[in-house]
Amino acid sequence: MPIYAAHAPKGPPSLAAADRVTLVRQGFSWRAFLFGPWWLAASSLWRALIVWAITVAVVIFGAGALGAPDGAIFAALALIALYLGLEAAALRSAALDRAGRPLADILAAGDEDSARSASTRAGWLRPKPPRRNPRRRRASLQRPRRRVRLIRRRRASPCSACFPILRGATDDDPVAASRRGRRCGQPNAP
């Protein structure tokens, strides 16, 4: 059963967007294999056409300059055509993505008409649920968190016993000088 890539225009999903879906059949393209440059031009794949022309020119002129036999040149051109046939769907998908029509869905259908009808019923038309934070795991998968209780230390307020200057003591008082700078709870504090 053929597989199709559905490329929809950017924006919110709607039925109008479903009518403008471009379907790209995945797999080998006989048209691209047999009619390479004409298929590239008909599909508006201008970058790929330029790369194809440069590659073919390098093969023909490079092999001719090296004196390669005609059979080797033909084999190289056949491999280029084979590669183009294999990568035709990827080239079209990349061109559509650059043109603002990203990949919306992958569909398996018997033909293009049934793929188009399946694209209107596809899941990309439904509104998407809000995204979850990927760092946040579900509650059933989480380990129970330890609750860390922060205990704040109270700063001791200066008292007159530890700071005699607050009491009005002077520097010539020997008791006040011995207590200067001590806080409550320290040895020799009243």
N, C-alpha and C. Protein backbone atom coordinates (compact mmCIF):
# COMPACT_ATOMS: atom_id res chain seq x y z
N MET A 1 0.85 -1.17 0.00
CA MET A 1 0.00 0.00 0.00
C MET A 1 0.90 1.23 0.00
N PRO A 2 0.67 2.17 -0.90
CA PRO A 2 1.52 3.36 -0.98
C PRO A 2 1.39 4.24 0.26
N ILE A 3 2.47 4.92 0.55
CA ILE A 3 2.51 5.84 1.69
C ILE A 3 2.66 7.26 1.15
N TYR A 4 1.87 8.16 1.71
CA TYR A 4 1.88 9.56 1.28
C TYR A 4 2.26 10.45 2.46
N ALA A 5 3.01 11.49 2.16
CA ALA A 5 3.33 12.52 3.14
C ALA A 5 2.43 13.71 2.86
N ALA A 6 1.67 14.13 3.86
CA ALA A 6 0.75 15.25 3.70
C ALA A 6 1.43 16.52 4.23
N HIS A 7 1.58 17.51 3.36
CA HIS A 7 2.17 18.80 3.73
C HIS A 7 1.05 19.83 3.73
N ALA A 8 0.81 20.42 4.90
CA ALA A 8 -0.26 21.40 5.06
C ALA A 8 0.33 22.78 5.26
N PRO A 9 -0.42 23.82 4.92
CA PRO A 9 0.09 25.17 5.17
C PRO A 9 0.22 25.45 6.65
N LYS A 10 1.12 26.36 6.99
CA LYS A 10 1.31 26.72 8.40
C LYS A 10 0.06 27.42 8.91
N GLY A 11 -0.11 27.35 10.20
CA GLY A 11 -1.25 28.00 10.83
C GLY A 11 -2.08 26.99 11.59
N PRO A 12 -3.18 27.49 12.19
CA PRO A 12 -4.03 26.57 12.95
C PRO A 12 -4.73 25.58 12.02
N PRO A 13 -4.93 24.36 12.49
CA PRO A 13 -5.60 23.37 11.64
C PRO A 13 -7.06 23.74 11.40
N SER A 14 -7.47 23.63 10.15
CA SER A 14 -8.85 23.93 9.80
C SER A 14 -9.21 23.13 8.56
N LEU A 15 -10.51 23.11 8.21
CA LEU A 15 -10.94 22.39 7.02
C LEU A 15 -10.47 23.10 5.76
N ALA A 16 -10.31 24.43 5.82
CA ALA A 16 -9.77 25.14 4.66
C ALA A 16 -8.33 24.74 4.41
N ALA A 17 -7.58 24.51 5.49
CA ALA A 17 -6.20 24.05 5.34
C ALA A 17 -6.17 22.62 4.81
N ALA A 18 -7.18 21.83 5.14
CA ALA A 18 -7.22 20.45 4.66
C ALA A 18 -7.44 20.40 3.16
N ASP A 19 -8.09 21.40 2.59
CA ASP A 19 -8.28 21.44 1.14
C ASP A 19 -7.00 21.80 0.41
N ARG A 20 -6.08 22.46 1.08
CA ARG A 20 -4.83 22.89 0.44
C ARG A 20 -3.65 21.98 0.78
N VAL A 21 -3.94 20.76 1.17
CA VAL A 21 -2.89 19.79 1.51
C VAL A 21 -2.22 19.30 0.23
N THR A 22 -0.90 19.23 0.26
CA THR A 22 -0.14 18.66 -0.86
C THR A 22 0.33 17.27 -0.45
N LEU A 23 0.02 16.29 -1.26
CA LEU A 23 0.41 14.91 -0.97
C LEU A 23 1.63 14.54 -1.80
N VAL A 24 2.62 13.94 -1.15
CA VAL A 24 3.84 13.48 -1.81
C VAL A 24 3.93 11.98 -1.61
N ARG A 25 3.89 11.24 -2.73
CA ARG A 25 3.96 9.78 -2.64
C ARG A 25 5.40 9.39 -2.36
N GLN A 26 5.57 8.56 -1.32
CA GLN A 26 6.90 8.12 -0.92
C GLN A 26 7.29 6.90 -1.75
N GLY A 27 8.58 6.76 -1.99
CA GLY A 27 9.07 5.61 -2.75
C GLY A 27 9.78 6.05 -4.01
N PHE A 28 10.09 5.08 -4.84
CA PHE A 28 10.84 5.34 -6.07
C PHE A 28 9.97 6.07 -7.08
N SER A 29 10.54 7.07 -7.75
CA SER A 29 9.81 7.84 -8.76
C SER A 29 10.38 7.51 -10.14
N TRP A 30 9.59 6.81 -10.95
CA TRP A 30 10.04 6.47 -12.29
C TRP A 30 10.15 7.71 -13.16
N ARG A 31 9.30 8.68 -12.95
CA ARG A 31 9.37 9.91 -13.74
C ARG A 31 10.68 10.65 -13.49
N ALA A 32 11.08 10.73 -12.22
CA ALA A 32 12.34 11.40 -11.91
C ALA A 32 13.52 10.59 -12.42
N PHE A 33 13.42 9.29 -12.43
CA PHE A 33 14.51 8.44 -12.93
C PHE A 33 14.68 8.58 -14.44
N LEU A 34 13.57 8.54 -15.18
CA LEU A 34 13.64 8.56 -16.64
C LEU A 34 13.79 9.96 -17.22
N PHE A 35 13.12 10.93 -16.62
CA PHE A 35 13.11 12.30 -17.16
C PHE A 35 13.67 13.28 -16.13
N GLY A 36 14.85 13.02 -15.58
CA GLY A 36 15.43 13.77 -14.47
C GLY A 36 15.32 15.28 -14.52
N PRO A 37 15.98 15.96 -15.47
CA PRO A 37 15.95 17.42 -15.45
C PRO A 37 14.57 17.99 -15.77
N TRP A 38 13.82 17.32 -16.63
CA TRP A 38 12.48 17.81 -16.95
C TRP A 38 11.54 17.63 -15.75
N TRP A 39 11.70 16.54 -15.03
CA TRP A 39 10.88 16.34 -13.83
C TRP A 39 11.24 17.37 -12.77
N LEU A 40 12.53 17.67 -12.62
CA LEU A 40 12.93 18.69 -11.65
C LEU A 40 12.36 20.06 -12.00
N ALA A 41 12.37 20.41 -13.28
CA ALA A 41 11.82 21.70 -13.71
C ALA A 41 10.31 21.73 -13.55
N ALA A 42 9.63 20.63 -13.88
CA ALA A 42 8.16 20.58 -13.74
C ALA A 42 7.74 20.63 -12.27
N SER A 43 8.58 20.11 -11.38
CA SER A 43 8.26 20.13 -9.95
C SER A 43 8.75 21.39 -9.25
N SER A 44 9.34 22.31 -10.01
CA SER A 44 9.87 23.58 -9.48
C SER A 44 10.95 23.36 -8.43
N LEU A 45 11.78 22.38 -8.65
CA LEU A 45 12.90 22.10 -7.75
C LEU A 45 14.16 22.69 -8.38
N TRP A 46 14.25 24.01 -8.34
CA TRP A 46 15.30 24.73 -9.06
C TRP A 46 16.68 24.48 -8.45
N ARG A 47 16.76 24.42 -7.15
CA ARG A 47 18.07 24.15 -6.52
C ARG A 47 18.58 22.77 -6.92
N ALA A 48 17.72 21.81 -6.87
CA ALA A 48 18.12 20.45 -7.25
C ALA A 48 18.48 20.38 -8.73
N LEU A 49 17.80 21.16 -9.57
CA LEU A 49 18.11 21.18 -11.00
C LEU A 49 19.51 21.77 -11.23
N ILE A 50 19.86 22.81 -10.50
CA ILE A 50 21.19 23.41 -10.63
C ILE A 50 22.26 22.42 -10.17
N VAL A 51 22.02 21.75 -9.03
CA VAL A 51 22.98 20.76 -8.53
C VAL A 51 23.11 19.61 -9.53
N TRP A 52 22.00 19.18 -10.13
CA TRP A 52 22.04 18.10 -11.12
C TRP A 52 22.87 18.51 -12.33
N ALA A 53 22.64 19.74 -12.82
CA ALA A 53 23.38 20.21 -14.00
C ALA A 53 24.87 20.30 -13.72
N ILE A 54 25.24 20.80 -12.55
CA ILE A 54 26.67 20.91 -12.20
C ILE A 54 27.28 19.51 -12.08
N THR A 55 26.56 18.58 -11.45
CA THR A 55 27.08 17.23 -11.27
C THR A 55 27.27 16.53 -12.61
N VAL A 56 26.30 16.64 -13.50
CA VAL A 56 26.41 16.01 -14.81
C VAL A 56 27.55 16.63 -15.62
N ALA A 57 27.68 17.96 -15.54
CA ALA A 57 28.78 18.62 -16.27
C ALA A 57 30.14 18.16 -15.75
N VAL A 58 30.28 18.04 -14.43
CA VAL A 58 31.55 17.58 -13.85
C VAL A 58 31.84 16.15 -14.27
N VAL A 59 30.83 15.30 -14.28
CA VAL A 59 31.04 13.90 -14.67
C VAL A 59 31.44 13.81 -16.14
N ILE A 60 30.72 14.51 -17.00
CA ILE A 60 31.00 14.40 -18.44
C ILE A 60 32.37 14.99 -18.78
N PHE A 61 32.62 16.24 -18.33
CA PHE A 61 33.88 16.88 -18.69
C PHE A 61 35.06 16.31 -17.92
N GLY A 62 34.84 15.96 -16.66
CA GLY A 62 35.92 15.38 -15.87
C GLY A 62 36.32 14.01 -16.37
N ALA A 63 35.35 13.18 -16.71
CA ALA A 63 35.66 11.85 -17.22
C ALA A 63 36.27 11.94 -18.61
N GLY A 64 35.81 12.92 -19.42
CA GLY A 64 36.39 13.11 -20.75
C GLY A 64 37.83 13.58 -20.67
N ALA A 65 38.12 14.46 -19.71
CA ALA A 65 39.48 14.95 -19.54
C ALA A 65 40.41 13.86 -19.03
N LEU A 66 39.88 12.95 -18.24
CA LEU A 66 40.70 11.84 -17.73
C LEU A 66 40.82 10.70 -18.73
N GLY A 67 40.05 10.77 -19.79
CA GLY A 67 40.10 9.72 -20.81
C GLY A 67 39.35 8.47 -20.41
N ALA A 68 38.26 8.62 -19.62
CA ALA A 68 37.47 7.46 -19.20
C ALA A 68 36.67 6.93 -20.39
N PRO A 69 36.44 5.63 -20.44
CA PRO A 69 35.64 5.08 -21.55
C PRO A 69 34.18 5.54 -21.45
N ASP A 70 33.51 5.47 -22.60
CA ASP A 70 32.11 5.92 -22.67
C ASP A 70 31.21 5.10 -21.75
N GLY A 71 31.52 3.85 -21.54
CA GLY A 71 30.72 3.00 -20.65
C GLY A 71 30.77 3.47 -19.20
N ALA A 72 31.91 4.00 -18.77
CA ALA A 72 32.04 4.51 -17.40
C ALA A 72 31.24 5.80 -17.23
N ILE A 73 31.25 6.63 -18.27
CA ILE A 73 30.46 7.87 -18.21
C ILE A 73 28.98 7.54 -18.17
N PHE A 74 28.55 6.59 -19.00
CA PHE A 74 27.14 6.17 -19.00
C PHE A 74 26.74 5.59 -17.64
N ALA A 75 27.61 4.78 -17.03
CA ALA A 75 27.31 4.19 -15.72
C ALA A 75 27.19 5.27 -14.64
N ALA A 76 28.05 6.29 -14.70
CA ALA A 76 27.98 7.38 -13.72
C ALA A 76 26.69 8.17 -13.88
N LEU A 77 26.29 8.42 -15.14
CA LEU A 77 25.03 9.15 -15.37
C LEU A 77 23.83 8.29 -14.97
N ALA A 78 23.90 6.99 -15.15
CA ALA A 78 22.81 6.09 -14.72
C ALA A 78 22.71 6.07 -13.20
N LEU A 79 23.84 6.13 -12.50
CA LEU A 79 23.79 6.19 -11.03
C LEU A 79 23.21 7.52 -10.54
N ILE A 80 23.50 8.60 -11.25
CA ILE A 80 22.91 9.89 -10.89
C ILE A 80 21.39 9.84 -11.08
N ALA A 81 20.95 9.25 -12.19
CA ALA A 81 19.50 9.13 -12.44
C ALA A 81 18.84 8.22 -11.40
N LEU A 82 19.52 7.14 -11.03
CA LEU A 82 18.98 6.24 -10.00
C LEU A 82 18.85 6.97 -8.66
N TYR A 83 19.86 7.73 -8.31
CA TYR A 83 19.80 8.50 -7.06
C TYR A 83 18.65 9.51 -7.09
N LEU A 84 18.47 10.16 -8.23
CA LEU A 84 17.37 11.12 -8.36
C LEU A 84 16.02 10.43 -8.23
N GLY A 85 15.87 9.24 -8.79
CA GLY A 85 14.62 8.50 -8.64
C GLY A 85 14.35 8.07 -7.21
N LEU A 86 15.43 7.72 -6.49
CA LEU A 86 15.26 7.30 -5.10
C LEU A 86 14.96 8.48 -4.17
N GLU A 87 15.53 9.62 -4.45
CA GLU A 87 15.39 10.77 -3.55
C GLU A 87 14.36 11.80 -4.01
N ALA A 88 13.56 11.48 -5.00
CA ALA A 88 12.60 12.43 -5.54
C ALA A 88 11.59 12.89 -4.49
N ALA A 89 11.05 11.97 -3.71
CA ALA A 89 10.06 12.34 -2.69
C ALA A 89 10.69 13.21 -1.60
N ALA A 90 11.91 12.88 -1.22
CA ALA A 90 12.59 13.69 -0.20
C ALA A 90 12.88 15.10 -0.71
N LEU A 91 13.23 15.22 -1.99
CA LEU A 91 13.46 16.55 -2.56
C LEU A 91 12.19 17.39 -2.58
N ARG A 92 11.07 16.78 -2.97
CA ARG A 92 9.80 17.51 -2.97
C ARG A 92 9.37 17.89 -1.56
N SER A 93 9.54 16.97 -0.60
CA SER A 93 9.16 17.27 0.79
C SER A 93 10.00 18.40 1.35
N ALA A 94 11.29 18.40 1.05
CA ALA A 94 12.16 19.47 1.54
C ALA A 94 11.79 20.81 0.91
N ALA A 95 11.44 20.81 -0.38
CA ALA A 95 11.04 22.05 -1.04
C ALA A 95 9.73 22.59 -0.47
N LEU A 96 8.80 21.69 -0.20
CA LEU A 96 7.53 22.13 0.41
C LEU A 96 7.75 22.67 1.82
N ASP A 97 8.64 22.05 2.56
CA ASP A 97 8.93 22.52 3.91
C ASP A 97 9.55 23.91 3.88
N ARG A 98 10.47 24.14 2.93
CA ARG A 98 11.07 25.48 2.80
C ARG A 98 10.05 26.50 2.35
N ALA A 99 9.03 26.08 1.61
CA ALA A 99 8.01 27.00 1.11
C ALA A 99 6.93 27.30 2.14
N GLY A 100 7.08 26.79 3.36
CA GLY A 100 6.10 27.10 4.40
C GLY A 100 4.98 26.09 4.51
N ARG A 101 5.19 24.89 4.05
CA ARG A 101 4.19 23.83 4.14
C ARG A 101 4.83 22.63 4.82
N PRO A 102 4.92 22.66 6.15
CA PRO A 102 5.61 21.57 6.85
C PRO A 102 4.83 20.27 6.80
N LEU A 103 5.53 19.20 7.12
CA LEU A 103 4.92 17.87 7.14
C LEU A 103 3.86 17.83 8.24
N ALA A 104 2.65 17.45 7.87
CA ALA A 104 1.55 17.39 8.83
C ALA A 104 1.22 15.97 9.23
N ASP A 105 1.31 15.03 8.28
CA ASP A 105 0.90 13.67 8.59
C ASP A 105 1.49 12.71 7.56
N ILE A 106 1.58 11.45 7.93
CA ILE A 106 1.97 10.36 7.03
C ILE A 106 0.76 9.45 6.89
N LEU A 107 0.35 9.18 5.66
CA LEU A 107 -0.87 8.41 5.42
C LEU A 107 -0.56 7.19 4.56
N ALA A 108 -1.24 6.10 4.83
CA ALA A 108 -1.18 4.91 3.98
C ALA A 108 -2.54 4.76 3.32
N ALA A 109 -2.54 4.81 1.99
CA ALA A 109 -3.80 4.73 1.25
C ALA A 109 -3.56 4.04 -0.08
N GLY A 110 -4.64 3.54 -0.67
CA GLY A 110 -4.53 2.83 -1.94
C GLY A 110 -4.17 3.73 -3.10
N ASP A 111 -4.76 4.92 -3.16
CA ASP A 111 -4.44 5.87 -4.22
C ASP A 111 -4.50 7.29 -3.64
N GLU A 112 -4.25 8.26 -4.52
CA GLU A 112 -4.16 9.65 -4.03
C GLU A 112 -5.51 10.18 -3.57
N ASP A 113 -6.59 9.78 -4.21
CA ASP A 113 -7.92 10.25 -3.79
C ASP A 113 -8.28 9.76 -2.39
N SER A 114 -8.03 8.49 -2.12
CA SER A 114 -8.33 8.00 -0.77
C SER A 114 -7.37 8.59 0.25
N ALA A 115 -6.14 8.91 -0.16
CA ALA A 115 -5.21 9.58 0.76
C ALA A 115 -5.69 10.99 1.07
N ARG A 116 -6.24 11.68 0.06
CA ARG A 116 -6.76 13.04 0.29
C ARG A 116 -7.97 13.01 1.23
N SER A 117 -8.84 12.03 1.06
CA SER A 117 -9.99 11.93 1.96
C SER A 117 -9.55 11.53 3.36
N ALA A 118 -8.51 10.71 3.45
CA ALA A 118 -8.00 10.33 4.77
C ALA A 118 -7.30 11.50 5.44
N SER A 119 -6.74 12.41 4.66
CA SER A 119 -6.06 13.57 5.27
C SER A 119 -7.05 14.52 5.92
N THR A 120 -8.30 14.56 5.44
CA THR A 120 -9.30 15.42 6.09
C THR A 120 -9.75 14.83 7.41
N ARG A 121 -9.65 13.50 7.56
CA ARG A 121 -10.01 12.86 8.82
C ARG A 121 -8.81 12.67 9.73
N ALA A 122 -7.68 13.16 9.32
CA ALA A 122 -6.43 12.89 10.03
C ALA A 122 -6.39 13.63 11.36
N GLY A 123 -5.49 13.18 12.19
CA GLY A 123 -5.36 13.73 13.53
C GLY A 123 -4.79 15.13 13.57
N TRP A 124 -4.11 15.58 12.54
CA TRP A 124 -3.52 16.92 12.60
C TRP A 124 -4.57 18.01 12.50
N LEU A 125 -5.81 17.67 12.09
CA LEU A 125 -6.88 18.67 12.05
C LEU A 125 -7.44 18.95 13.43
N ARG A 126 -7.34 17.99 14.34
CA ARG A 126 -7.85 18.21 15.69
C ARG A 126 -6.92 19.17 16.43
N PRO A 127 -7.48 20.02 17.26
CA PRO A 127 -6.60 20.91 18.02
C PRO A 127 -5.70 20.12 18.94
N LYS A 128 -4.49 20.56 19.05
CA LYS A 128 -3.51 19.84 19.86
C LYS A 128 -3.69 20.18 21.32
N PRO A 129 -3.49 19.20 22.20
CA PRO A 129 -3.59 19.50 23.63
C PRO A 129 -2.42 20.38 24.04
N PRO A 130 -2.57 21.10 25.12
CA PRO A 130 -1.46 21.96 25.56
C PRO A 130 -0.24 21.12 25.89
N ARG A 131 0.91 21.66 25.57
CA ARG A 131 2.15 20.93 25.81
C ARG A 131 2.47 20.91 27.29
N ARG A 132 2.93 19.76 27.74
CA ARG A 132 3.36 19.63 29.12
C ARG A 132 4.83 19.99 29.23
N ASN A 133 5.19 20.35 30.41
CA ASN A 133 6.59 20.62 30.67
C ASN A 133 7.33 19.29 30.64
N PRO A 134 8.33 19.11 29.77
CA PRO A 134 8.99 17.80 29.69
C PRO A 134 9.79 17.47 30.94
N ARG A 135 10.15 18.47 31.72
CA ARG A 135 10.90 18.19 32.94
C ARG A 135 10.01 17.69 34.07
N ARG A 136 8.74 17.99 33.95
CA ARG A 136 7.81 17.59 35.01
C ARG A 136 7.27 16.21 34.68
N ARG A 137 7.50 15.28 35.56
CA ARG A 137 7.03 13.92 35.33
C ARG A 137 5.67 13.75 35.98
N ARG A 138 4.99 12.69 35.57
CA ARG A 138 3.68 12.43 36.18
C ARG A 138 3.86 12.07 37.65
N ALA A 139 2.81 12.32 38.42
CA ALA A 139 2.89 12.11 39.87
C ALA A 139 3.13 10.64 40.20
N SER A 140 2.62 9.73 39.38
CA SER A 140 2.81 8.32 39.69
C SER A 140 4.26 7.87 39.47
N LEU A 141 5.00 8.61 38.66
CA LEU A 141 6.38 8.24 38.38
C LEU A 141 7.37 8.96 39.29
N GLN A 142 6.90 9.94 40.01
CA GLN A 142 7.81 10.74 40.82
C GLN A 142 8.07 10.08 42.16
N ARG A 143 9.26 10.30 42.65
CA ARG A 143 9.57 9.90 44.01
C ARG A 143 8.97 10.96 44.93
N PRO A 144 8.58 10.56 46.11
CA PRO A 144 8.10 11.58 47.04
C PRO A 144 9.25 12.52 47.39
N ARG A 145 8.95 13.77 47.34
CA ARG A 145 9.98 14.76 47.64
C ARG A 145 10.10 14.97 49.13
N ARG A 146 11.30 15.17 49.57
CA ARG A 146 11.52 15.51 50.97
C ARG A 146 11.24 16.98 51.15
N ARG A 147 10.53 17.25 52.15
CA ARG A 147 10.26 18.65 52.46
C ARG A 147 11.36 19.14 53.38
N VAL A 148 12.08 20.07 52.91
CA VAL A 148 13.16 20.63 53.70
C VAL A 148 12.63 21.88 54.38
N ARG A 149 12.75 21.86 55.67
CA ARG A 149 12.25 22.99 56.43
C ARG A 149 13.42 23.88 56.78
N LEU A 150 13.33 25.08 56.34
CA LEU A 150 14.40 26.02 56.61
C LEU A 150 14.20 26.63 57.99
N ILE A 151 15.21 26.53 58.78
CA ILE A 151 15.17 27.11 60.12
C ILE A 151 16.05 28.34 60.08
N ARG A 152 15.45 29.45 60.36
CA ARG A 152 16.21 30.69 60.36
C ARG A 152 16.72 30.96 61.77
N ARG A 153 17.95 31.30 61.83
CA ARG A 153 18.53 31.65 63.12
C ARG A 153 18.22 33.10 63.41
N ARG A 154 17.77 33.30 64.59
CA ARG A 154 17.52 34.68 64.99
C ARG A 154 18.83 35.33 65.37
N ARG A 155 18.93 36.51 64.96
CA ARG A 155 20.13 37.25 65.35
C ARG A 155 19.88 37.80 66.74
N ALA A 156 20.88 37.63 67.55
CA ALA A 156 20.74 38.12 68.92
C ALA A 156 20.74 39.64 68.92
N SER A 157 19.80 40.17 69.64
CA SER A 157 19.76 41.62 69.74
C SER A 157 20.75 42.06 70.82
N PRO A 158 21.39 43.16 70.59
CA PRO A 158 22.37 43.58 71.60
C PRO A 158 21.66 43.93 72.91
N CYS A 159 22.24 43.47 73.98
CA CYS A 159 21.68 43.79 75.29
C CYS A 159 22.71 44.64 76.07
N SER A 160 22.23 45.24 77.10
CA SER A 160 23.10 46.15 77.85
C SER A 160 24.17 45.40 78.64
N ALA A 161 23.93 44.09 78.89
CA ALA A 161 24.94 43.33 79.63
C ALA A 161 26.13 43.03 78.73
N CYS A 162 25.86 42.73 77.46
CA CYS A 162 26.95 42.39 76.56
C CYS A 162 27.61 43.63 75.97
N PHE A 163 26.85 44.65 75.76
CA PHE A 163 27.37 45.88 75.18
C PHE A 163 27.17 47.02 76.18
N PRO A 164 28.15 47.19 77.04
CA PRO A 164 27.97 48.21 78.09
C PRO A 164 27.87 49.62 77.56
N ILE A 165 28.29 49.83 76.34
CA ILE A 165 28.18 51.20 75.80
C ILE A 165 26.72 51.58 75.69
N LEU A 166 25.85 50.57 75.45
CA LEU A 166 24.44 50.87 75.38
C LEU A 166 23.90 51.29 76.76
N ARG A 167 24.58 50.83 77.79
CA ARG A 167 24.19 51.16 79.15
C ARG A 167 24.69 52.52 79.58
N GLY A 168 25.61 53.03 78.79
CA GLY A 168 26.18 54.31 79.14
C GLY A 168 27.51 54.18 79.86
N ALA A 169 28.15 52.99 79.78
CA ALA A 169 29.43 52.78 80.45
C ALA A 169 30.52 53.47 79.65
N THR A 170 31.58 53.74 80.29
CA THR A 170 32.73 54.39 79.66
C THR A 170 33.88 53.41 79.56
N ASP A 171 34.93 53.81 78.88
CA ASP A 171 36.09 52.94 78.68
C ASP A 171 36.90 52.74 79.96
N ASP A 172 36.74 53.64 80.92
CA ASP A 172 37.53 53.48 82.14
C ASP A 172 36.90 52.50 83.12
N ASP A 173 35.72 51.98 82.83
CA ASP A 173 35.08 50.97 83.69
C ASP A 173 35.69 49.61 83.37
N PRO A 174 36.42 48.95 84.34
CA PRO A 174 37.08 47.69 84.04
C PRO A 174 36.11 46.55 83.75
N VAL A 175 34.96 46.53 84.39
CA VAL A 175 33.97 45.47 84.15
C VAL A 175 33.38 45.61 82.76
N ALA A 176 33.08 46.81 82.39
CA ALA A 176 32.50 47.05 81.06
C ALA A 176 33.52 46.74 79.98
N ALA A 177 34.79 47.03 80.22
CA ALA A 177 35.83 46.74 79.22
C ALA A 177 36.02 45.26 79.04
N SER A 178 35.84 44.46 80.09
CA SER A 178 36.01 43.01 79.95
C SER A 178 34.84 42.37 79.21
N ARG A 179 33.70 43.00 79.27
CA ARG A 179 32.51 42.44 78.63
C ARG A 179 32.30 42.96 77.20
N ARG A 180 33.07 43.92 76.81
CA ARG A 180 32.82 44.55 75.52
C ARG A 180 32.96 43.52 74.39
N GLY A 181 31.97 43.44 73.51
CA GLY A 181 32.01 42.54 72.36
C GLY A 181 31.48 41.16 72.63
N ARG A 182 31.11 40.82 73.85
CA ARG A 182 30.55 39.50 74.12
C ARG A 182 29.05 39.52 73.89
N ARG A 183 28.55 38.35 73.49
CA ARG A 183 27.10 38.23 73.29
C ARG A 183 26.54 37.28 74.35
N CYS A 184 25.27 37.33 74.49
CA CYS A 184 24.63 36.43 75.45
C CYS A 184 24.90 35.00 75.06
N GLY A 185 25.10 34.12 76.01
CA GLY A 185 25.35 32.73 75.75
C GLY A 185 26.81 32.42 75.68
N GLN A 186 27.65 33.40 75.63
CA GLN A 186 29.09 33.16 75.63
C GLN A 186 29.55 33.02 77.08
N PRO A 187 30.68 32.37 77.29
CA PRO A 187 31.18 32.23 78.67
C PRO A 187 31.44 33.60 79.29
N ASN A 188 31.22 33.67 80.55
CA ASN A 188 31.40 34.88 81.36
C ASN A 188 30.43 35.97 81.02
N ALA A 189 29.37 35.65 80.31
CA ALA A 189 28.36 36.67 80.05
C ALA A 189 27.30 36.59 81.11
N PRO A 190 26.80 37.70 81.57
CA PRO A 190 25.78 37.64 82.64
C PRO A 190 24.47 37.10 82.16
